[in-house]
Protein backbone atom coordinates (compact mmCIF):
# COMPACT_ATOMS: atom_id res chain seq x y z
CA MET A 1 -0.12 0.14 0.04
CA LYS A 2 2.98 2.29 0.95
CA ARG A 3 4.35 1.73 -2.40
CA LEU A 4 1.25 2.29 -4.47
CA SER A 5 1.11 6.07 -2.59
CA ILE A 6 4.57 6.58 -3.55
CA ILE A 7 3.74 5.79 -7.11
CA PHE A 8 0.43 7.97 -7.00
CA LEU A 9 2.36 10.82 -5.72
CA LEU A 10 4.87 10.56 -8.26
CA VAL A 11 2.37 10.73 -11.14
CA LEU A 12 0.72 13.61 -9.73
CA ALA A 13 3.88 15.49 -9.34
CA LEU A 14 4.65 14.46 -13.41
CA PHE A 15 1.43 15.65 -14.26
CA ALA A 16 2.11 19.15 -12.46
CA VAL A 17 5.36 19.46 -14.13
CA MET A 18 3.77 18.66 -17.70
CA ALA A 19 0.97 21.25 -16.89
CA CYS A 20 3.56 23.96 -15.83
CA SER A 21 5.83 23.11 -18.83
CA GLU A 22 2.91 23.62 -21.23
CA LYS A 23 1.70 26.83 -19.67
CA ASP A 24 5.20 28.27 -20.21
CA ASN A 25 5.33 27.51 -23.70
CA ASN A 26 1.64 28.87 -24.43
CA PRO A 27 2.18 32.29 -25.57
CA THR A 28 -1.41 33.39 -24.72
CA ASP A 29 -0.05 33.05 -20.81
CA VAL A 30 2.75 35.62 -21.63
CA GLN A 31 1.96 38.99 -20.25
CA VAL A 32 2.79 42.04 -22.65
CA HIS A 33 3.50 45.40 -20.90
CA GLY A 34 3.01 48.53 -22.23
CA ILE A 35 3.51 52.54 -21.54
CA LYS A 36 0.33 54.40 -22.23
CA LEU A 37 1.16 57.13 -24.77
CA ASP A 38 0.23 59.92 -22.76
CA GLN A 39 3.26 59.68 -20.56
CA PHE A 40 5.42 61.15 -23.40
CA ILE A 41 3.54 64.26 -23.86
CA ASN A 42 4.48 66.61 -21.02
CA GLN A 43 1.67 68.53 -19.80
CA ALA A 44 3.63 71.46 -18.54
CA LEU A 45 5.67 71.76 -21.48
CA VAL A 46 2.59 72.30 -23.84
CA ALA A 47 1.30 74.75 -21.70
CA ASP A 48 4.39 76.80 -22.09
CA SER A 49 4.67 76.03 -25.64
CA LEU A 50 1.14 77.34 -26.24
CA ASP A 51 1.31 80.18 -23.42
CA SER A 52 4.39 81.03 -21.40
CA THR A 53 2.20 82.59 -18.78
CA ALA A 54 -0.21 79.90 -18.51
CA ALA A 55 0.01 77.76 -15.39
CA ASP A 56 1.77 74.44 -15.90
CA THR A 57 -1.36 72.51 -14.59
CA LEU A 58 -3.84 73.86 -17.46
CA GLU A 59 -4.44 70.93 -19.83
CA PHE A 60 -3.87 72.01 -23.22
CA ARG A 61 -2.76 68.65 -24.83
CA GLY A 62 -6.53 68.40 -26.25
CA LEU A 63 -6.00 71.24 -28.41
CA TYR A 64 -3.60 69.21 -30.78
CA ALA A 65 -3.84 66.51 -33.44
CA TYR A 66 -1.17 63.90 -33.05
CA GLU A 67 1.06 62.21 -35.89
CA ILE A 68 3.12 59.02 -34.85
CA VAL A 69 6.42 58.50 -36.94
CA SER A 70 8.63 55.68 -37.32
CA GLY A 71 12.39 56.33 -36.11
CA GLU A 72 13.40 53.38 -38.71
CA ASP A 73 11.97 54.67 -42.31
CA GLY A 74 9.70 57.85 -41.42
CA PHE A 75 6.64 55.98 -41.96
CA SER A 76 3.30 57.67 -40.38
CA PRO A 77 -0.27 56.84 -40.81
CA ARG A 78 -0.67 59.60 -42.98
CA GLN A 79 1.02 58.04 -45.58
CA SER A 80 -1.38 55.10 -45.44
CA SER A 81 -4.64 54.64 -47.68
CA TYR A 82 -5.92 53.13 -44.74
CA ALA A 83 -5.68 55.89 -42.38
CA GLY A 84 -4.35 59.21 -43.97
CA TYR A 85 -5.15 61.24 -40.70
CA ASP A 86 -3.90 62.16 -37.20
CA LEU A 87 -5.47 61.22 -33.92
CA ASN A 88 -7.14 63.77 -31.43
CA TRP A 89 -6.19 63.38 -27.93
CA ASN A 90 -8.89 61.17 -26.59
CA ALA A 91 -7.74 58.46 -28.97
CA PHE A 92 -3.89 59.03 -29.08
CA LYS A 93 -3.98 58.96 -25.22
CA GLN A 94 -5.30 55.38 -25.19
CA GLY A 95 -2.52 54.12 -27.07
CA TYR A 96 0.73 51.92 -25.77
CA LEU A 97 4.04 51.93 -26.60
CA VAL A 98 5.22 48.31 -26.37
CA PRO A 99 9.12 48.34 -25.64
CA THR A 100 9.32 44.43 -25.94
CA ASP A 101 7.80 44.62 -29.55
CA ASN A 102 10.25 46.96 -31.42
CA ASN A 103 8.78 50.27 -29.56
CA ARG A 104 5.31 49.50 -31.46
CA THR A 105 2.36 51.61 -30.68
CA TRP A 106 -0.65 49.75 -29.70
CA PHE A 107 -4.52 50.71 -29.90
CA ALA A 108 -7.22 48.39 -28.77
CA ASP A 109 -9.91 50.36 -30.48
CA PRO A 110 -11.10 48.15 -33.38
CA ASN A 111 -12.26 51.15 -35.46
CA LEU A 112 -8.47 52.39 -35.73
CA PRO A 113 -6.81 51.24 -38.91
CA GLY A 114 -3.87 48.85 -38.20
CA ALA A 115 -1.83 51.65 -39.78
CA PHE A 116 -1.66 53.22 -36.41
CA LYS A 117 0.23 50.24 -35.16
CA ILE A 118 3.67 51.64 -35.63
CA ARG A 119 7.02 49.67 -35.04
CA HIS A 120 9.78 51.75 -34.00
CA ALA A 121 7.83 54.55 -32.98
CA LYS A 122 9.96 57.72 -32.21
CA TYR A 123 8.25 60.74 -32.73
CA PHE A 124 4.98 62.24 -31.79
CA ARG A 125 4.22 65.38 -34.01
CA MET A 126 1.44 67.75 -32.49
CA TYR A 127 -0.47 70.36 -34.86
CA ARG A 128 -2.74 72.92 -33.30
CA LYS A 129 -6.39 72.04 -34.38
CA ILE A 130 -9.75 73.13 -33.91
CA ASP A 131 -12.91 71.01 -33.92
CA VAL A 132 -16.04 71.90 -35.85
CA ILE A 133 -19.31 70.36 -34.34
CA PRO A 134 -22.36 70.91 -36.86
CA SER A 135 -25.57 70.40 -34.78
CA GLY A 136 -27.12 66.92 -35.53
CA PHE A 137 -23.92 66.00 -37.53
CA PRO A 138 -20.46 64.23 -37.02
CA SER A 139 -17.86 66.78 -35.87
CA THR A 140 -14.54 67.40 -38.21
CA MET A 141 -10.88 67.93 -36.95
CA VAL A 142 -9.09 70.93 -38.82
CA GLU A 143 -5.55 71.31 -38.27
CA LEU A 144 -5.07 75.24 -38.51
CA ARG A 145 -1.82 75.28 -40.66
CA GLY A 146 -3.43 72.92 -43.05
CA LEU A 147 -5.38 75.88 -44.26
CA GLU A 148 -4.71 78.97 -46.05
CA ILE A 149 -2.48 81.43 -44.13
CA HIS A 150 -3.32 85.15 -44.20
CA THR A 151 -1.21 88.02 -42.51
CA ILE A 152 -3.26 90.43 -40.70
CA ASN A 153 -2.52 93.17 -38.03
CA ASN A 154 -2.87 91.47 -34.71
CA TRP A 155 -4.48 93.11 -31.52
CA ASP A 156 -1.05 94.75 -30.95
CA GLY A 157 -0.95 96.32 -34.66
CA ASN A 158 1.78 93.88 -35.75
CA PRO A 159 1.14 91.70 -38.59
CA GLU A 160 0.74 88.00 -37.70
CA PRO A 161 -0.19 84.54 -39.68
CA ALA A 162 -3.80 84.03 -39.09
CA ILE A 163 -6.61 81.77 -40.68
CA LYS A 164 -10.11 82.83 -41.75
CA LEU A 165 -12.55 81.53 -39.55
CA SER A 166 -14.91 80.80 -42.47
CA ASP A 167 -12.46 78.51 -43.73
CA LEU A 168 -12.94 76.12 -40.77
CA LEU A 169 -16.63 75.84 -41.91
CA GLN A 170 -15.96 74.79 -45.51
CA GLY A 171 -18.23 72.05 -46.49
CA ILE A 172 -21.20 73.22 -44.68
CA ALA A 173 -23.99 74.38 -47.06
CA SER A 174 -25.48 76.88 -44.69
CA TYR A 175 -26.05 77.62 -40.99
CA ASP A 176 -27.59 80.26 -38.91
CA SER A 177 -24.88 80.94 -36.18
CA ILE A 178 -21.76 79.42 -34.47
CA SER A 179 -20.64 79.61 -30.89
CA ILE A 180 -16.89 79.91 -30.42
CA VAL A 181 -15.80 77.70 -27.45
CA CYS A 182 -12.38 78.15 -25.62
CA PHE A 183 -10.44 75.38 -23.84
CA ASP A 184 -12.28 76.46 -20.50
CA ASP A 185 -15.54 76.56 -22.21
CA TYR A 186 -15.74 80.33 -22.28
CA GLY A 187 -17.85 81.53 -25.32
CA LEU A 188 -20.66 79.24 -24.71
CA GLY A 189 -24.03 81.20 -25.13
CA LYS A 190 -22.54 83.58 -27.28
CA TYR A 191 -23.44 83.71 -31.02
CA TYR A 192 -21.97 84.63 -34.18
CA HIS A 193 -23.75 85.34 -37.35
CA PRO A 194 -22.27 84.44 -40.99
CA ASP A 195 -21.49 88.34 -41.49
CA ALA A 196 -19.38 88.11 -38.54
CA VAL A 197 -17.92 85.04 -39.23
CA ASN A 198 -16.92 85.92 -42.62
CA ASP A 199 -15.07 88.82 -41.06
CA GLY A 200 -13.28 86.92 -38.43
CA TYR A 201 -9.86 85.42 -38.08
CA TYR A 202 -7.98 83.23 -35.96
CA LEU A 203 -4.56 84.66 -35.30
CA LEU A 204 -1.92 81.43 -34.96
CA GLU A 205 0.70 82.96 -32.55
CA THR A 206 -1.18 84.99 -30.03
CA GLU A 207 -4.12 82.33 -30.28
CA ARG A 208 -7.00 84.66 -30.57
CA THR A 209 -9.62 85.87 -32.37
CA ILE A 210 -10.08 89.00 -34.39
CA PHE A 211 -12.77 90.68 -35.95
CA PRO A 212 -11.43 94.08 -37.96
CA THR A 213 -15.00 95.37 -38.69
CA ALA A 214 -17.70 93.37 -37.42
CA ALA A 215 -20.21 95.35 -35.34
CA ILE A 216 -20.14 92.84 -32.30
CA ALA A 217 -19.79 93.06 -28.49
CA ASN A 218 -16.43 93.86 -27.15
CA ASN A 219 -16.64 90.51 -25.12
CA MET A 220 -17.13 88.56 -28.22
CA LYS A 221 -14.15 89.82 -30.40
CA LYS A 222 -10.94 88.29 -28.41
CA LEU A 223 -11.62 84.66 -27.49
CA LYS A 224 -8.22 83.01 -26.61
CA LYS A 225 -7.15 79.31 -27.13
CA VAL A 226 -10.24 78.28 -28.99
CA ASP A 227 -11.23 74.44 -29.00
CA ARG A 228 -14.14 74.10 -31.11
CA ILE A 229 -16.80 75.70 -33.10
CA LEU A 230 -20.48 74.59 -32.68
CA VAL A 231 -22.43 75.22 -35.54
CA TYR A 232 -26.36 75.82 -35.47
CA GLY A 233 -29.01 75.16 -38.03
CA PRO A 234 -26.48 73.37 -40.52
CA ALA A 235 -28.31 72.35 -43.71
CA SER A 236 -26.28 69.44 -44.06
CA ALA A 237 -22.90 67.49 -42.70
CA GLN A 238 -19.62 69.08 -43.20
CA THR A 239 -18.34 67.60 -46.69
CA HIS A 240 -15.05 69.30 -46.96
CA ASP A 241 -11.95 66.60 -46.82
CA PHE A 242 -9.79 68.45 -44.30
CA ASP A 243 -7.52 65.28 -44.10
CA LEU A 244 -6.21 66.46 -47.60
CA ALA A 245 -4.86 69.55 -46.05
CA LEU A 246 -3.05 68.23 -42.89
CA ALA A 247 -0.71 70.76 -41.33
CA GLU A 248 3.09 70.16 -42.58
CA THR A 249 4.81 71.83 -39.92
CA ALA A 250 4.42 70.49 -36.29
CA ASP A 251 3.62 72.86 -33.60
CA MET A 252 5.57 70.56 -31.11
CA ILE A 253 7.35 67.16 -31.22
CA PHE A 254 7.97 64.87 -28.68
CA THR A 255 10.80 62.07 -28.90
CA VAL A 256 10.51 58.68 -27.48
CA PRO A 257 13.86 58.22 -25.60
CA GLU A 258 16.21 55.44 -25.56
CA ASP A 259 16.21 54.83 -21.80
CA LEU A 260 12.32 54.14 -20.62
CA THR A 261 13.25 54.00 -17.17
CA GLY A 262 10.96 56.21 -15.07
CA TYR A 263 8.02 55.58 -17.21
CA GLU A 264 5.11 53.41 -15.72
CA SER A 265 4.31 50.23 -17.83
CA VAL A 266 0.85 48.21 -17.36
CA VAL A 267 0.00 44.82 -18.44
CA ILE A 268 -2.01 45.08 -22.04
CA PRO A 269 -4.90 42.95 -21.92
CA ASP A 270 -5.38 40.82 -25.13
CA TYR A 271 -2.30 41.76 -26.84
CA PRO A 272 -1.66 39.37 -30.02
CA GLN A 273 1.20 37.13 -29.70
């Protein structure tokens, strides 16, 4: 009986060893760690770049579109026929950098094309943008320096590059009015009719609106750090393809460092093996 017990225990031990061996060889049990992409975009540096007088705690990262660029061959999703556009902050910050997979970027969102999963990701280029949101229709992200640039006198009387507010509304057949909303929601409840919009500009360096001749209230003339434009009474969705006019010059560039010590990594669920 004692001998049978010993044999039984040996058999159990053998099965345990085999089970552990199979688990070790099963790639589905390997945990892959990634670094969330928002850690590479320093909030304080973005605030200082946009406005050197602003507090470092202000959140301006949502005012930009993000391009991911490979350090190996310079490829970015802009070059792919399956993508061809940049990401807004909400989509970008959900991504990961996977150091064990050739610094590949990874997004779990099934709606994002595979072109955004860039190997050897090295650069994150940022472009100032404004979202145009027609009531009842999808929003559009417009990169400001992808539009026609004009030079006008700013609030100090000095020439400054600017874009026309009406160019942000290209592809909207007609509308009743708009609200110009800043990063802190200032501007909600203020309405601009088409004649004022057609007179207005957005100054690209001092980050302000200006209306050279429009007869509007003073507190509506100089809105700072605009985040979005709400369009009321549009007859249709915005049909203009702004992806064909992406900005060429980045406003900021962050580089993935060689040494990733100090960045927090987390387990990426369901990462493909």
